[in-house]
Structure formats: C-alpha cells, structure tokens
Protein backbone atom coordinates (compact mmCIF):
# COMPACT_ATOMS: atom_id res chain seq x y z
CA UNK A 1 25.59 245.87 74.59
CA UNK A 2 26.18 246.53 78.00
CA UNK A 3 26.79 243.00 80.00
CA UNK A 4 26.91 242.48 84.34
CA UNK A 5 28.96 239.75 85.27
CA UNK A 6 27.60 238.96 88.84
CA UNK A 7 29.71 235.99 90.50
CA UNK A 8 28.22 234.77 94.23
CA UNK A 9 30.61 233.48 97.15
CA UNK A 10 30.46 230.27 96.49
CA UNK A 11 31.62 230.29 92.34
CA UNK A 12 33.67 233.54 92.90
CA UNK A 13 36.53 231.45 92.22
CA UNK A 14 35.44 231.10 88.78
CA UNK A 15 35.10 234.79 87.91
CA UNK A 16 38.17 235.00 85.74
CA UNK A 17 37.21 232.26 83.29
CA UNK A 18 34.10 233.88 82.94
CA UNK A 19 36.07 237.36 81.94
CA UNK A 20 38.48 235.66 80.23
CA UNK A 21 36.01 233.60 78.08
CA UNK A 22 34.00 237.15 77.13
CA UNK A 23 37.27 239.12 76.61
CA UNK A 24 37.38 238.83 72.93
CA UNK A 25 34.03 240.50 72.45
CA UNK A 26 33.42 244.43 71.93
CA UNK A 27 30.73 244.93 74.45
CA UNK A 28 31.05 247.09 77.81
CA UNK A 29 31.39 244.27 80.59
CA UNK A 30 30.96 245.50 84.21
CA UNK A 31 32.47 242.77 86.83
CA UNK A 32 29.82 244.00 89.73
CA UNK A 33 29.94 240.60 92.04
CA UNK A 34 32.78 238.54 93.96
CA UNK A 35 35.71 238.12 92.20
CA UNK A 36 37.45 236.23 94.67
CA UNK A 37 36.34 234.18 98.11
CA UNK A 38 38.32 236.58 100.19
CA UNK A 39 35.94 239.76 98.92
CA UNK A 40 33.73 241.57 101.23
CA UNK A 41 30.99 241.80 101.60
CA UNK A 42 29.81 238.24 101.08
CA UNK A 43 27.10 238.09 98.47
CA UNK A 44 24.63 234.69 98.01
CA UNK A 45 22.84 234.02 95.19
CA UNK A 46 20.12 236.31 97.51
CA UNK A 47 22.04 239.09 96.90
CA UNK A 48 23.14 238.62 93.23
CA UNK A 49 19.68 237.49 92.26
CA UNK A 50 18.60 241.09 93.57
CA UNK A 51 21.51 243.09 92.11
CA UNK A 52 20.22 241.36 88.69
CA UNK A 53 16.56 242.67 89.20
CA UNK A 54 17.44 246.26 90.14
CA UNK A 55 19.81 246.56 87.05
CA UNK A 56 17.75 244.94 84.46
CA UNK A 57 14.94 247.16 85.70
CA UNK A 58 16.70 250.12 86.39
CA UNK A 59 18.12 249.57 82.07
CA UNK A 60 21.68 249.61 83.35
CA UNK A 61 22.54 246.71 81.81
CA UNK A 62 21.17 244.50 79.02
CA UNK A 63 22.11 241.34 80.08
CA UNK A 64 23.25 239.84 83.09
CA UNK A 65 25.70 236.75 83.19
CA UNK A 66 25.42 234.31 86.78
CA UNK A 67 25.40 231.74 88.39
CA UNK A 68 25.86 229.61 91.43
CA UNK A 69 27.12 226.05 92.16
CA UNK A 70 24.05 224.71 90.33
CA UNK A 71 22.98 227.57 88.46
CA UNK A 72 19.97 226.97 90.26
CA UNK A 73 19.49 229.13 92.89
CA UNK A 74 20.97 232.26 91.18
CA UNK A 75 18.02 231.45 88.44
CA UNK A 76 15.12 230.87 91.16
CA UNK A 77 16.37 234.06 92.58
CA UNK A 78 16.97 236.33 89.76
CA UNK A 79 13.47 235.15 88.19
CA UNK A 80 11.52 236.59 91.67
CA UNK A 81 12.01 240.06 89.92
CA UNK A 82 9.88 241.70 87.14
CA UNK A 83 11.53 241.90 83.87
CA UNK A 84 13.97 239.16 84.49
CA UNK A 85 14.07 236.51 82.05
CA UNK A 86 16.15 233.99 82.67
CA UNK A 87 18.09 230.43 81.53
CA UNK A 88 19.69 227.57 83.01
CA UNK A 89 22.71 227.56 80.70
CA UNK A 90 25.03 224.14 80.72
CA UNK A 91 26.65 223.86 77.11
CA UNK A 92 26.64 225.79 73.92
CA UNK A 93 23.55 224.43 72.27
CA UNK A 94 21.84 225.58 75.71
CA UNK A 95 22.80 228.76 75.06
CA UNK A 96 21.92 228.77 71.27
CA UNK A 97 18.29 227.91 71.93
CA UNK A 98 17.95 230.56 74.30
CA UNK A 99 19.15 232.92 72.47
CA UNK A 100 17.13 232.51 69.86
CA UNK A 101 13.97 231.28 71.17
CA UNK A 102 13.81 233.10 74.49
CA UNK A 103 15.73 236.19 73.65
CA UNK A 104 15.86 236.68 77.51
CA UNK A 105 18.14 239.21 79.36
CA UNK A 106 20.09 236.67 81.91
CA UNK A 107 21.83 233.52 81.89
CA UNK A 108 22.55 231.16 84.87
CA UNK A 109 25.73 229.25 84.81
CA UNK A 110 26.39 225.96 86.65
CA UNK A 111 29.89 226.86 88.06
CA UNK A 112 30.46 224.23 90.16
CA UNK A 113 28.96 221.09 89.63
CA UNK A 114 30.05 219.34 86.22
CA UNK A 115 33.03 222.02 85.98
CA UNK A 116 35.78 219.65 85.45
CA UNK A 117 38.35 219.36 82.68
CA UNK A 118 38.05 221.85 79.55
CA UNK A 119 34.78 224.06 81.69
CA UNK A 120 36.81 227.37 80.52
CA UNK A 121 36.91 226.36 77.05
CA UNK A 122 33.02 225.17 76.99
CA UNK A 123 32.61 228.93 79.07
CA UNK A 124 33.58 230.14 75.65
CA UNK A 125 31.75 228.01 73.35
CA UNK A 126 28.60 229.18 75.25
CA UNK A 127 29.34 232.55 74.70
CA UNK A 128 30.02 232.19 71.00
CA UNK A 129 26.72 230.28 70.54
CA UNK A 130 24.88 232.87 72.66
CA UNK A 131 25.94 235.83 70.81
CA UNK A 132 25.84 234.34 67.32
CA UNK A 133 22.12 234.33 66.39
CA UNK A 134 20.26 237.67 66.96
CA UNK A 135 18.22 237.34 70.00
CA UNK A 136 14.56 236.18 69.55
CA UNK A 137 15.59 235.23 65.93
CA UNK A 138 13.44 232.18 66.03
CA UNK A 139 13.94 228.21 65.55
CA UNK A 140 12.77 226.41 64.01
CA UNK A 141 12.01 229.46 61.19
CA UNK A 142 8.37 228.34 61.27
CA UNK A 143 7.98 228.93 64.38
CA UNK A 144 9.58 232.24 64.57
CA UNK A 145 6.27 234.19 65.02
CA UNK A 146 4.44 232.22 67.38
CA UNK A 147 7.92 232.40 69.62
CA UNK A 148 7.98 236.46 69.39
CA UNK A 149 4.25 236.50 70.47
CA UNK A 150 4.72 234.28 73.40
CA UNK A 151 8.14 236.68 74.41
CA UNK A 152 5.59 239.86 74.42
CA UNK A 153 2.68 237.76 76.53
CA UNK A 154 5.61 236.60 79.22
CA UNK A 155 6.79 240.22 79.43
CA UNK A 156 2.78 241.20 80.07
CA UNK A 157 2.46 238.53 82.50
CA UNK A 158 5.36 239.49 84.39
CA UNK A 159 4.20 242.75 84.87
CA UNK A 160 1.18 241.50 86.29
CA UNK A 161 2.35 239.02 88.66
CA UNK A 162 4.99 241.39 90.54
CA UNK A 163 5.58 244.25 92.54
CA UNK A 164 7.52 247.14 90.73
CA UNK A 165 11.14 247.04 91.34
CA UNK A 166 10.88 250.01 94.10
CA UNK A 167 8.10 248.87 95.41
CA UNK A 168 10.24 245.30 96.16
CA UNK A 169 12.98 247.44 97.69
CA UNK A 170 10.93 249.68 99.98
CA UNK A 171 10.08 246.44 101.81
CA UNK A 172 12.99 244.92 101.30
CA UNK A 173 15.49 243.05 104.69
CA UNK A 174 17.54 245.94 105.26
CA UNK A 175 20.20 243.30 106.10
CA UNK A 176 20.30 242.28 102.27
CA UNK A 177 20.49 245.62 101.28
CA UNK A 178 23.23 247.11 103.45
CA UNK A 179 25.37 244.09 101.31
CA UNK A 180 24.37 245.64 98.10
CA UNK A 181 25.19 249.17 99.30
CA UNK A 182 28.67 247.91 100.66
CA UNK A 183 29.39 246.23 97.29
CA UNK A 184 31.50 249.16 95.80
CA UNK A 185 31.44 248.19 91.86
CA UNK A 186 27.81 247.88 92.16
CA UNK A 187 27.03 251.06 93.79
CA UNK A 188 29.32 252.73 91.25
CA UNK A 189 27.60 251.70 88.35
CA UNK A 190 24.24 252.67 89.52
CA UNK A 191 25.39 255.95 90.93
CA UNK A 192 26.58 256.76 87.43
CA UNK A 193 22.94 255.50 86.13
CA UNK A 194 19.89 257.96 85.92
CA UNK A 195 17.56 254.96 86.76
CA UNK A 196 19.99 253.44 88.40
CA UNK A 197 20.66 256.29 90.63
CA UNK A 198 17.26 256.69 91.79
CA UNK A 199 16.82 253.23 93.20
CA UNK A 200 19.84 254.02 96.14
CA UNK A 201 17.68 255.66 98.02
CA UNK A 202 16.57 252.07 98.92
CA UNK A 203 20.05 250.66 99.72
C-alpha cells in the first residue's frame, strides 16, 4: 500500500508522531505536507485537501492520512473532491469500523484538540486497527453485502456530483495552486507518476 501523510500548518508539529506510528508497517510512506511549523510554503487545510484530491484521483497513493487541529477542516476540504472517501478518526474503534464498514481511502485526525497524554500511543493503536481488517470486509457480518453495495453507490454518486479533477484544477484560484507547486515533495511524487505528471500542467 502507498500512503501519503499530509499535515497542514496547525498540525505540523504532530508530523513526527504520525510517521513514527506508521514506521512498523511495510508500506510505502510519502511525507508530503508540513513536517515542521517553519516550513515554507505554509499549507493550510485548503491546500492539503486539494493535494489529497489530486493524489487519489491520479492514483498516486492508495490512502491519505491527514488532519488538522480538530480534524474537521481537513475532512471537509478533502471531501470536496471526487473519489475521496474520508473518515474522522479519534480512536482505534473509529479506525476499525471505518476500515471494515466504509473502506475509505482517506482519514482525518484531530491533532490539537484532545491531543494530550499518550496521544502518540493512541495514534499507534489507531493504525493497528485501521490496517487490521481487510478494507471493506463488513461489520456486522450480516450487513457485509449491504455495506458493499452502499460503497459502490457512494462512488457512483461521487462521480455524478463532482466535476472531474482536471476541470477542478483548471478553475482553481492560482494562489492556491502556486502553494502546491512550491511544495517540493508533493511536486516530486507527481513528476514520477504518469497520471500525476499530467496534473502538473495546472500547477
């Protein structure tokens, strides 16, 4: 699995905790957002949500781990884009149920609100439960087929209710796109991907 970690500015000081919590997994991890508060350009949840839409629609990664102070801003930003299915994850049970029932491709973490004692350990437990079941395996068992059908219908509705990613990028405010173009690690991963490289013309 290919996972992008995309911190925005208010949660940049939590980036090391997320990377450490993912370290034990044999996945390809791409650290593409803010890794420290002094990093430039400064990326808000507006930018990280758009980055998420680009990466998932270009099939550069399979899962995005994002968030912000409360997790709400990033969640709302990422869900503006087609094919992004994001869950707000606060604890391991959220992660387990989201993985089994929703089988989404993006999670949003609250990285300031309630981020207290043993929060780094909570992150480790969240990832353990997120990756434990097969994505979309269903819970409870007798709801498995209904949930599968609902996921398929949601993907279909997402396609109907959103513009295509190229059309979105073509009409996006240049000031927002310039920040993305200046984010070196993000730009680099797009350059090294066929679908991602095609989206670079908008940045």
